[in-house]
């Protein structure tokens, strides 16, 4: 593996697959003594995801799914 002029390296495909790294994953490079470790970071939630997390579990209704759909469709 060779470091390019921008300080980048390519993780071989076999290692990416073995450890479950995918395009777009956020990673950190951590100094661990004389070794560098590449670790996946938890993705930051977007605005929509944060809203869903805030709303999760707050619905209070005794209507069935069919009744809700009829209400939403104005039937």
C-alpha atoms as a PDB file:
ATOM      1  CA  UNK A   1       0.000   0.000   0.000  1.00  0.00           C
ATOM      2  CA  UNK A   2       1.368   3.407  -0.884  1.00  0.00           C
ATOM      3  CA  UNK A   3       0.522   6.807   0.611  1.00  0.00           C
ATOM      4  CA  UNK A   4      -0.430   9.272  -2.148  1.00  0.00           C
ATOM      5  CA  UNK A   5       0.509  12.964  -2.375  1.00  0.00           C
ATOM      6  CA  UNK A   6      -2.668  13.937  -0.447  1.00  0.00           C
ATOM      7  CA  UNK A   7      -1.817  11.599   2.435  1.00  0.00           C
ATOM      8  CA  UNK A   8      -4.468   9.071   1.414  1.00  0.00           C
ATOM      9  CA  UNK A   9      -4.360   5.288   1.272  1.00  0.00           C
ATOM     10  CA  UNK A  10      -6.814   2.842  -0.255  1.00  0.00           C
ATOM     11  CA  UNK A  11      -8.122   0.110   2.021  1.00  0.00           C
ATOM     12  CA  UNK A  12      -8.051  -3.098  -0.031  1.00  0.00           C
ATOM     13  CA  UNK A  13     -11.508  -4.334  -1.072  1.00  0.00           C
ATOM     14  CA  UNK A  14     -11.060  -7.672   0.707  1.00  0.00           C
ATOM     15  CA  UNK A  15     -10.468  -5.871   4.026  1.00  0.00           C
ATOM     16  CA  UNK A  16     -13.358  -3.436   3.449  1.00  0.00           C
ATOM     17  CA  UNK A  17     -15.697  -6.380   2.853  1.00  0.00           C
ATOM     18  CA  UNK A  18     -14.292  -8.401   5.754  1.00  0.00           C
ATOM     19  CA  UNK A  19     -14.811  -5.550   8.226  1.00  0.00           C
ATOM     20  CA  UNK A  20     -18.033  -4.171   6.750  1.00  0.00           C
ATOM     21  CA  UNK A  21     -16.800  -0.785   5.523  1.00  0.00           C
ATOM     22  CA  UNK A  22     -18.906   0.798   2.784  1.00  0.00           C
ATOM     23  CA  UNK A  23     -18.589   3.886   0.608  1.00  0.00           C
ATOM     24  CA  UNK A  24     -19.662   6.938   2.587  1.00  0.00           C
ATOM     25  CA  UNK A  25     -18.874   5.450   6.015  1.00  0.00           C
ATOM     26  CA  UNK A  26     -17.310   7.916   8.429  1.00  0.00           C
ATOM     27  CA  UNK A  27     -14.038   6.719   9.945  1.00  0.00           C
ATOM     28  CA  UNK A  28     -11.443   8.013  12.369  1.00  0.00           C
ATOM     29  CA  UNK A  29      -7.728   7.335  12.351  1.00  0.00           C
ATOM     30  CA  UNK A  30      -6.551   6.907  15.931  1.00  0.00           C
ATOM     31  CA  UNK A  31      -2.947   6.831  17.114  1.00  0.00           C
ATOM     32  CA  UNK A  32      -2.411   3.804  19.356  1.00  0.00           C
ATOM     33  CA  UNK A  33       1.232   3.810  20.428  1.00  0.00           C
ATOM     34  CA  UNK A  34       3.236   3.221  17.260  1.00  0.00           C
ATOM     35  CA  UNK A  35       0.150   1.929  15.409  1.00  0.00           C
ATOM     36  CA  UNK A  36      -2.661   3.723  13.581  1.00  0.00           C
ATOM     37  CA  UNK A  37      -6.159   2.257  13.878  1.00  0.00           C
ATOM     38  CA  UNK A  38      -9.014   2.965  11.461  1.00  0.00           C
ATOM     39  CA  UNK A  39     -12.373   2.833  13.231  1.00  0.00           C
ATOM     40  CA  UNK A  40     -15.907   3.490  12.051  1.00  0.00           C
ATOM     41  CA  UNK A  41     -17.594   6.432  13.754  1.00  0.00           C
ATOM     42  CA  UNK A  42     -21.279   6.566  14.583  1.00  0.00           C
ATOM     43  CA  UNK A  43     -23.107   8.450  11.853  1.00  0.00           C
ATOM     44  CA  UNK A  44     -24.529  11.816  12.832  1.00  0.00           C
ATOM     45  CA  UNK A  45     -28.281  11.926  12.603  1.00  0.00           C
ATOM     46  CA  UNK A  46     -29.745  14.271  10.021  1.00  0.00           C
ATOM     47  CA  UNK A  47     -32.598  16.659  10.804  1.00  0.00           C
ATOM     48  CA  UNK A  48     -35.268  14.187   9.687  1.00  0.00           C
ATOM     49  CA  UNK A  49     -33.751  11.326  11.673  1.00  0.00           C
ATOM     50  CA  UNK A  50     -33.593  13.489  14.817  1.00  0.00           C
ATOM     51  CA  UNK A  51     -37.261  14.432  14.384  1.00  0.00           C
ATOM     52  CA  UNK A  52     -38.253  10.783  13.988  1.00  0.00           C
ATOM     53  CA  UNK A  53     -36.340   9.864  17.147  1.00  0.00           C
ATOM     54  CA  UNK A  54     -38.099  12.654  19.074  1.00  0.00           C
ATOM     55  CA  UNK A  55     -41.527  11.546  17.840  1.00  0.00           C
ATOM     56  CA  UNK A  56     -41.007   7.773  18.222  1.00  0.00           C
ATOM     57  CA  UNK A  57     -43.453   6.274  20.718  1.00  0.00           C
ATOM     58  CA  UNK A  58     -45.549   9.428  21.184  1.00  0.00           C
ATOM     59  CA  UNK A  59     -48.571   8.422  19.120  1.00  0.00           C
ATOM     60  CA  UNK A  60     -51.647   7.710  21.191  1.00  0.00           C
ATOM     61  CA  UNK A  61     -54.575   6.326  19.236  1.00  0.00           C
ATOM     62  CA  UNK A  62     -56.943   3.415  19.466  1.00  0.00           C
ATOM     63  CA  UNK A  63     -57.769   3.488  15.763  1.00  0.00           C
ATOM     64  CA  UNK A  64     -56.749   0.559  13.589  1.00  0.00           C
ATOM     65  CA  UNK A  65     -54.483   1.029  10.604  1.00  0.00           C
ATOM     66  CA  UNK A  66     -57.478   0.711   8.285  1.00  0.00           C
ATOM     67  CA  UNK A  67     -59.387   3.349  10.261  1.00  0.00           C
ATOM     68  CA  UNK A  68     -56.417   5.720  10.150  1.00  0.00           C
ATOM     69  CA  UNK A  69     -56.004   5.233   6.403  1.00  0.00           C
ATOM     70  CA  UNK A  70     -59.707   5.919   5.843  1.00  0.00           C
ATOM     71  CA  UNK A  71     -59.447   9.061   7.957  1.00  0.00           C
ATOM     72  CA  UNK A  72     -56.386  10.259   6.038  1.00  0.00           C
ATOM     73  CA  UNK A  73     -58.041   9.523   2.710  1.00  0.00           C
ATOM     74  CA  UNK A  74     -61.180  11.384   3.821  1.00  0.00           C
ATOM     75  CA  UNK A  75     -63.373   8.341   3.207  1.00  0.00           C
END
